[in-house]
C-alpha atoms as a PDB file:
ATOM      1  CA  MET A   1      18.265 140.230 115.561  1.00  0.00           C
ATOM      2  CA  LYS A   2      20.317 141.771 118.308  1.00  0.00           C
ATOM      3  CA  LYS A   3      19.150 143.932 121.277  1.00  0.00           C
ATOM      4  CA  CYS A   4      21.400 146.575 124.217  1.00  0.00           C
ATOM      5  CA  VAL A   5      20.666 146.832 127.169  1.00  0.00           C
ATOM      6  CA  HIS A   6      22.490 149.496 129.744  1.00  0.00           C
ATOM      7  CA  ILE A   7      22.538 147.915 133.503  1.00  0.00           C
ATOM      8  CA  PHE A   8      23.587 149.428 137.154  1.00  0.00           C
ATOM      9  CA  VAL A   9      23.229 147.243 139.422  1.00  0.00           C
ATOM     10  CA  GLN A  10      23.253 148.440 142.964  1.00  0.00           C
ATOM     11  CA  GLY A  11      24.260 146.679 146.528  1.00  0.00           C
ATOM     12  CA  GLN A  12      26.883 145.426 147.719  1.00  0.00           C
ATOM     13  CA  VAL A  13      28.439 144.705 144.386  1.00  0.00           C
ATOM     14  CA  GLN A  14      32.054 146.636 144.598  1.00  0.00           C
ATOM     15  CA  GLY A  15      35.023 144.383 145.969  1.00  0.00           C
ATOM     16  CA  VAL A  16      33.152 140.982 145.879  1.00  0.00           C
ATOM     17  CA  TYR A  17      34.212 139.984 142.004  1.00  0.00           C
ATOM     18  CA  PHE A  18      30.952 141.070 141.039  1.00  0.00           C
ATOM     19  CA  ARG A  19      32.489 142.240 137.711  1.00  0.00           C
ATOM     20  CA  ALA A  20      34.604 139.161 136.893  1.00  0.00           C
ATOM     21  CA  TYR A  21      31.538 136.939 137.388  1.00  0.00           C
ATOM     22  CA  THR A  22      29.414 138.908 135.329  1.00  0.00           C
ATOM     23  CA  GLU A  23      32.066 138.905 132.530  1.00  0.00           C
ATOM     24  CA  LYS A  24      31.890 135.209 132.687  1.00  0.00           C
ATOM     25  CA  ARG A  25      28.338 134.606 132.710  1.00  0.00           C
ATOM     26  CA  ALA A  26      27.618 136.832 129.979  1.00  0.00           C
ATOM     27  CA  VAL A  27      30.533 135.017 128.036  1.00  0.00           C
ATOM     28  CA  GLU A  28      28.866 132.110 128.803  1.00  0.00           C
ATOM     29  CA  LEU A  29      25.614 134.015 126.722  1.00  0.00           C
ATOM     30  CA  ASN A  30      27.444 134.430 124.302  1.00  0.00           C
ATOM     31  CA  LEU A  31      26.450 138.239 125.051  1.00  0.00           C
ATOM     32  CA  THR A  32      29.235 141.698 123.971  1.00  0.00           C
ATOM     33  CA  GLY A  33      29.546 144.211 125.891  1.00  0.00           C
ATOM     34  CA  TRP A  34      31.355 145.674 129.287  1.00  0.00           C
ATOM     35  CA  VAL A  35      31.180 146.114 133.118  1.00  0.00           C
ATOM     36  CA  ARG A  36      32.816 148.905 134.819  1.00  0.00           C
ATOM     37  CA  ASN A  37      32.613 149.719 138.784  1.00  0.00           C
ATOM     38  CA  ARG A  38      31.148 153.325 139.339  1.00  0.00           C
ATOM     39  CA  ARG A  39      32.781 155.187 142.052  1.00  0.00           C
ATOM     40  CA  ASP A  40      29.236 155.893 143.808  1.00  0.00           C
ATOM     41  CA  GLY A  41      29.572 152.230 144.586  1.00  0.00           C
ATOM     42  CA  ARG A  42      27.196 151.101 141.836  1.00  0.00           C
ATOM     43  CA  VAL A  43      28.318 148.693 138.739  1.00  0.00           C
ATOM     44  CA  GLU A  44      27.377 149.440 135.199  1.00  0.00           C
ATOM     45  CA  ILE A  45      26.873 147.293 132.634  1.00  0.00           C
ATOM     46  CA  MET A  46      26.614 147.538 128.333  1.00  0.00           C
ATOM     47  CA  ALA A  47      25.407 143.932 126.931  1.00  0.00           C
ATOM     48  CA  GLU A  48      24.300 143.587 123.174  1.00  0.00           C
ATOM     49  CA  GLY A  49      23.031 139.978 121.960  1.00  0.00           C
ATOM     50  CA  SER A  50      19.470 138.219 121.665  1.00  0.00           C
ATOM     51  CA  GLU A  51      16.633 139.673 123.702  1.00  0.00           C
ATOM     52  CA  ALA A  52      16.482 135.953 125.514  1.00  0.00           C
ATOM     53  CA  GLU A  53      19.836 136.155 125.969  1.00  0.00           C
ATOM     54  CA  LEU A  54      19.166 139.565 127.691  1.00  0.00           C
ATOM     55  CA  LYS A  55      16.693 138.099 129.711  1.00  0.00           C
ATOM     56  CA  GLU A  56      18.257 135.408 131.234  1.00  0.00           C
ATOM     57  CA  PHE A  57      21.512 137.610 131.602  1.00  0.00           C
ATOM     58  CA  LEU A  58      19.395 140.299 133.462  1.00  0.00           C
ATOM     59  CA  ASP A  59      17.941 137.548 135.608  1.00  0.00           C
ATOM     60  CA  TRP A  60      21.603 137.112 136.633  1.00  0.00           C
ATOM     61  CA  CYS A  61      21.928 140.150 137.551  1.00  0.00           C
ATOM     62  CA  SER A  62      19.236 140.314 140.198  1.00  0.00           C
ATOM     63  CA  THR A  63      21.904 137.740 141.707  1.00  0.00           C
ATOM     64  CA  GLY A  64      25.176 138.101 141.002  1.00  0.00           C
ATOM     65  CA  SER A  65      28.116 136.888 141.987  1.00  0.00           C
ATOM     66  CA  PRO A  66      28.401 134.225 145.486  1.00  0.00           C
ATOM     67  CA  HIS A  67      29.540 137.368 148.198  1.00  0.00           C
ATOM     68  CA  SER A  68      27.454 140.104 146.294  1.00  0.00           C
ATOM     69  CA  HIS A  69      24.778 141.578 147.635  1.00  0.00           C
ATOM     70  CA  VAL A  70      22.019 142.785 144.861  1.00  0.00           C
ATOM     71  CA  GLU A  71      19.020 145.436 146.119  1.00  0.00           C
ATOM     72  CA  HIS A  72      18.415 147.168 142.671  1.00  0.00           C
ATOM     73  CA  VAL A  73      18.761 146.662 139.329  1.00  0.00           C
ATOM     74  CA  ASP A  74      17.769 149.743 136.760  1.00  0.00           C
ATOM     75  CA  ALA A  75      17.874 148.224 132.954  1.00  0.00           C
ATOM     76  CA  THR A  76      17.265 150.122 130.141  1.00  0.00           C
ATOM     77  CA  TRP A  77      16.799 148.416 126.820  1.00  0.00           C
ATOM     78  CA  ILE A  78      18.663 150.901 123.892  1.00  0.00           C
ATOM     79  CA  GLN A  79      19.315 151.302 120.659  1.00  0.00           C
ATOM     80  CA  CYS A  80      22.375 148.900 119.755  1.00  0.00           C
ATOM     81  CA  GLU A  81      24.731 152.382 118.672  1.00  0.00           C
ATOM     82  CA  GLN A  82      28.225 150.410 118.791  1.00  0.00           C
ATOM     83  CA  ASP A  83      28.782 146.618 118.179  1.00  0.00           C
ATOM     84  CA  PHE A  84      31.062 145.002 120.235  1.00  0.00           C
ATOM     85  CA  ASN A  85      33.724 142.347 119.795  1.00  0.00           C
ATOM     86  CA  THR A  86      33.927 140.627 123.640  1.00  0.00           C
ATOM     87  CA  PHE A  87      32.309 141.479 126.795  1.00  0.00           C
ATOM     88  CA  SER A  88      35.140 142.661 128.620  1.00  0.00           C
ATOM     89  CA  VAL A  89      35.645 144.601 132.154  1.00  0.00           C
ATOM     90  CA  THR A  90      36.833 148.402 131.454  1.00  0.00           C
ATOM     91  CA  GLN A  91      37.520 151.024 133.615  1.00  0.00           C
ATOM     92  CA  SER A  92      35.967 152.621 136.594  1.00  0.00           C
ATOM     93  CA  LYS A  93      34.048 155.716 135.623  1.00  0.00           C
END
């Protein structure tokens, strides 16, 4: 059964390839959804997949890309309202 999680990552997460590494890790875990920068400096992620894969992904988000410095991860489990086909980097919001 698919689950969805909406994630905000705070810290030094923009300009350090965080989104590219996020996409790579999500694809490795067979997740679908998207990742984007926010104007407030955070990165926002919507991910869909199995609960086990999503929990592993959340653990990864706490560390992030090699040059990032994650200060806080806020994750909310939500009802899946959209069926994503891939995981991609989307436009900033």
